[in-house]
Amino acid sequence: MKFNLTQILFLSVLIITGISRINLSQENAPEGEGKRMSNIHGIEVKDMSGNKVKLSGYEGKTLLIVNVASKCGYTKQYSGLEAIYRKYKDQGFEILAFPCNDFGGQEPGTNEEIQEFCSSKFDVTFKLFDKIEVLKNKAPLYELLTDNPVTGTGDISWNFEKFLIDKKGNIVARFKSKVTPESEEMVRAIEAIL
């Protein structure tokens, strides 16, 4: 039986989703068994105003988590992120954007400056969070995103790396910076778990 590329990508997303569901049951295993988590719901982050936000509050939502920067060659991806957010938000899709200055000092601004830039240049309406570090002093969220049984281990390579999270908080997929938000690969993965 032959499959075309579209069918192969769709089957890959289904397999990854299935694996992440298996990993969820492993998270309930007794402590001390060396298990690694693949669920983000136990993590707390800060929004741009410094308020604590429990990621468990996003239960029932499909999430795309992305580290962003205002002075990067990939900054134009804000337009694509906003486009897919507007397209899918009524179906329970959210984008959580975390500004980061770890790569070439490409996000030097304050939270207020970042918010103003995103609003005025790209009409961003999805959620922006407090500026974080994803490398040396890695934020707990990014410790999990870059070291889990679903997407494996490996530091973030650059700005605009993306992680897809299912409605139960399980990590489903990881997309490198060059994968644009409106690409067929990304759209198919999102639609498969909405």
Protein backbone atom coordinates (compact mmCIF):
# COMPACT_ATOMS: atom_id res chain seq x y z
CA MET A 1 0.00 0.00 0.00
CA LYS A 2 1.43 3.40 -1.00
CA PHE A 3 0.94 6.63 0.95
CA ASN A 4 1.36 10.16 -0.30
CA LEU A 5 3.26 12.81 1.69
CA THR A 6 0.07 14.28 3.18
CA GLN A 7 -1.03 10.90 4.50
CA ILE A 8 2.43 10.20 5.93
CA LEU A 9 2.49 13.55 7.78
CA PHE A 10 -1.00 12.99 9.18
CA LEU A 11 -0.10 9.46 10.34
CA SER A 12 3.09 10.81 11.95
CA VAL A 13 1.10 13.33 13.98
CA LEU A 14 -1.34 10.62 15.07
CA ILE A 15 1.52 8.37 16.14
CA ILE A 16 3.22 11.20 18.08
CA THR A 17 -0.10 12.08 19.74
CA GLY A 18 -0.55 8.44 20.72
CA ILE A 19 2.95 8.31 22.16
CA SER A 20 2.32 11.43 24.23
CA ARG A 21 -0.85 9.85 25.64
CA ILE A 22 1.17 6.79 26.63
CA ASN A 23 3.70 9.08 28.32
CA LEU A 24 0.91 10.72 30.33
CA SER A 25 0.21 7.38 32.01
CA GLN A 26 3.94 7.07 32.76
CA GLU A 27 3.82 10.40 34.59
CA ASN A 28 1.57 8.80 37.19
CA ALA A 29 4.17 6.11 37.90
CA PRO A 30 5.72 5.99 41.38
CA GLU A 31 8.54 8.43 42.10
CA GLY A 32 12.11 7.26 41.81
CA GLU A 33 11.69 5.35 38.56
CA GLY A 34 13.70 7.89 36.54
CA LYS A 35 10.70 8.99 34.53
CA ARG A 36 10.76 12.19 32.48
CA MET A 37 7.60 14.18 32.06
CA SER A 38 6.04 15.32 28.83
CA ASN A 39 3.14 17.32 30.31
CA ILE A 40 3.31 21.09 30.93
CA HIS A 41 0.31 21.46 33.26
CA GLY A 42 2.42 21.38 36.41
CA ILE A 43 4.38 24.47 35.35
CA GLU A 44 3.77 28.08 36.32
CA VAL A 45 4.98 31.06 34.25
CA LYS A 46 4.61 34.85 34.44
CA ASP A 47 2.66 37.05 32.05
CA MET A 48 3.94 40.41 30.83
CA SER A 49 2.58 42.12 33.94
CA GLY A 50 4.45 39.76 36.27
CA ASN A 51 1.32 37.81 37.27
CA LYS A 52 1.72 34.07 37.84
CA VAL A 53 -0.07 31.88 35.29
CA LYS A 54 -0.59 28.15 35.85
CA LEU A 55 -0.38 26.32 32.54
CA SER A 56 -3.00 23.89 33.85
CA GLY A 57 -5.41 26.77 33.22
CA TYR A 58 -5.07 25.99 29.51
CA GLU A 59 -6.50 22.48 29.89
CA GLY A 60 -8.84 21.81 26.98
CA LYS A 61 -6.86 24.11 24.65
CA THR A 62 -4.42 23.21 21.89
CA LEU A 63 -1.27 25.29 22.41
CA LEU A 64 1.63 26.46 20.32
CA ILE A 65 4.51 27.64 22.51
CA VAL A 66 7.18 29.75 20.81
CA ASN A 67 10.26 31.74 21.89
CA VAL A 68 10.14 35.08 20.08
CA ALA A 69 12.37 38.09 19.38
CA SER A 70 11.82 41.51 17.81
CA LYS A 71 15.12 41.91 15.92
CA CYS A 72 15.51 38.50 14.31
CA GLY A 73 15.40 37.36 10.70
CA TYR A 74 12.43 35.21 11.73
CA THR A 75 10.54 38.10 13.37
CA LYS A 76 8.26 38.28 10.33
CA GLN A 77 6.81 34.97 11.56
CA TYR A 78 4.72 37.07 13.96
CA SER A 79 2.42 37.66 10.96
CA GLY A 80 2.00 33.93 10.37
CA LEU A 81 1.51 33.23 14.06
CA GLU A 82 -1.21 35.85 14.23
CA ALA A 83 -2.85 34.45 11.09
CA ILE A 84 -3.07 30.89 12.45
CA TYR A 85 -4.17 32.20 15.85
CA ARG A 86 -7.08 34.07 14.28
CA LYS A 87 -7.94 31.09 12.09
CA TYR A 88 -8.10 28.53 14.93
CA LYS A 89 -8.73 30.46 18.16
CA ASP A 90 -12.48 29.79 18.04
CA GLN A 91 -11.65 26.07 17.98
CA GLY A 92 -9.69 26.25 21.24
CA PHE A 93 -6.24 27.16 19.89
CA GLU A 94 -3.88 29.43 21.82
CA ILE A 95 -0.37 30.72 21.15
CA LEU A 96 1.89 31.37 24.13
CA ALA A 97 4.82 33.55 23.09
CA PHE A 98 7.89 33.92 25.30
CA PRO A 99 10.28 36.75 24.38
CA CYS A 100 13.90 35.70 24.71
CA ASN A 101 17.21 37.58 24.36
CA ASP A 102 19.46 34.48 24.32
CA PHE A 103 20.27 34.54 20.60
CA GLY A 104 22.44 37.43 19.45
CA GLY A 105 20.75 39.92 21.78
CA GLN A 106 17.78 40.05 19.39
CA GLU A 107 15.20 40.83 22.09
CA PRO A 108 16.75 43.65 24.15
CA GLY A 109 13.51 45.49 24.95
CA THR A 110 11.43 45.64 28.11
CA ASN A 111 8.11 43.81 28.28
CA GLU A 112 6.34 47.10 27.53
CA GLU A 113 8.53 47.76 24.48
CA ILE A 114 8.02 44.20 23.23
CA GLN A 115 4.25 44.47 23.62
CA GLU A 116 4.18 47.81 21.79
CA PHE A 117 6.32 46.43 18.97
CA CYS A 118 4.17 43.33 18.53
CA SER A 119 0.95 45.32 18.61
CA SER A 120 2.02 48.16 16.30
CA LYS A 121 4.07 46.16 13.76
CA PHE A 122 2.17 42.86 13.61
CA ASP A 123 -1.21 43.48 15.28
CA VAL A 124 -0.49 40.58 17.65
CA THR A 125 -3.48 39.56 19.77
CA PHE A 126 -2.22 36.22 21.14
CA LYS A 127 -0.72 36.00 24.62
CA LEU A 128 2.78 37.36 25.26
CA PHE A 129 4.57 36.34 28.45
CA ASP A 130 7.43 37.64 30.56
CA LYS A 131 10.85 37.61 28.91
CA ILE A 132 12.69 34.38 29.76
CA GLU A 133 15.94 32.52 29.16
CA VAL A 134 15.93 29.25 27.24
CA LEU A 135 19.64 28.38 27.35
CA LYS A 136 21.97 29.12 30.29
CA ASN A 137 19.41 29.89 33.02
CA LYS A 138 16.70 27.86 31.32
CA ALA A 139 13.14 28.56 32.47
CA PRO A 140 11.38 25.46 33.89
CA LEU A 141 8.96 25.37 30.94
CA TYR A 142 11.87 25.19 28.51
CA GLU A 143 13.66 22.60 30.65
CA LEU A 144 10.66 20.36 30.00
CA LEU A 145 10.16 21.33 26.35
CA THR A 146 13.78 20.55 25.52
CA ASP A 147 14.11 17.35 27.57
CA ASN A 148 11.17 14.96 27.35
CA PRO A 149 10.40 11.53 25.92
CA VAL A 150 8.30 12.91 23.04
CA THR A 151 10.59 15.45 21.36
CA GLY A 152 13.84 14.23 22.92
CA THR A 153 16.65 16.33 24.31
CA GLY A 154 18.38 19.31 22.77
CA ASP A 155 18.62 23.01 23.40
CA ILE A 156 16.65 25.58 21.46
CA SER A 157 18.65 26.44 18.35
CA TRP A 158 17.31 29.94 17.66
CA ASN A 159 14.34 32.28 18.01
CA PHE A 160 10.88 31.14 16.86
CA GLU A 161 11.26 27.46 17.68
CA LYS A 162 7.77 26.03 18.23
CA PHE A 163 6.22 23.32 20.42
CA LEU A 164 2.75 21.90 19.89
CA ILE A 165 0.82 20.89 23.01
CA ASP A 166 -2.42 18.89 23.06
CA LYS A 167 -5.56 19.70 25.07
CA LYS A 168 -4.35 17.65 28.03
CA GLY A 169 -1.03 19.49 28.25
CA ASN A 170 1.07 16.82 26.55
CA ILE A 171 3.94 17.81 24.29
CA VAL A 172 3.12 16.54 20.81
CA ALA A 173 5.70 17.98 18.40
CA ARG A 174 8.65 20.33 18.01
CA PHE A 175 9.27 22.55 14.98
CA LYS A 176 12.54 24.31 14.24
CA SER A 177 12.60 28.05 13.51
CA LYS A 178 12.57 27.67 9.75
CA VAL A 179 9.17 25.92 9.83
CA THR A 180 6.75 28.78 9.26
CA PRO A 181 3.49 28.98 11.21
CA GLU A 182 1.35 28.75 8.07
CA SER A 183 3.33 25.87 6.52
CA GLU A 184 1.46 22.74 5.51
CA GLU A 185 3.44 20.77 8.08
CA MET A 186 2.40 23.06 10.93
CA VAL A 187 -1.23 23.47 9.87
CA ARG A 188 -1.73 19.69 9.50
CA ALA A 189 -0.23 19.06 12.94
CA ILE A 190 -2.47 21.69 14.56
CA GLU A 191 -5.62 20.51 12.79
CA ALA A 192 -4.93 16.90 13.80
CA ILE A 193 -5.25 17.72 17.51
CA LEU A 194 -7.77 20.58 17.63
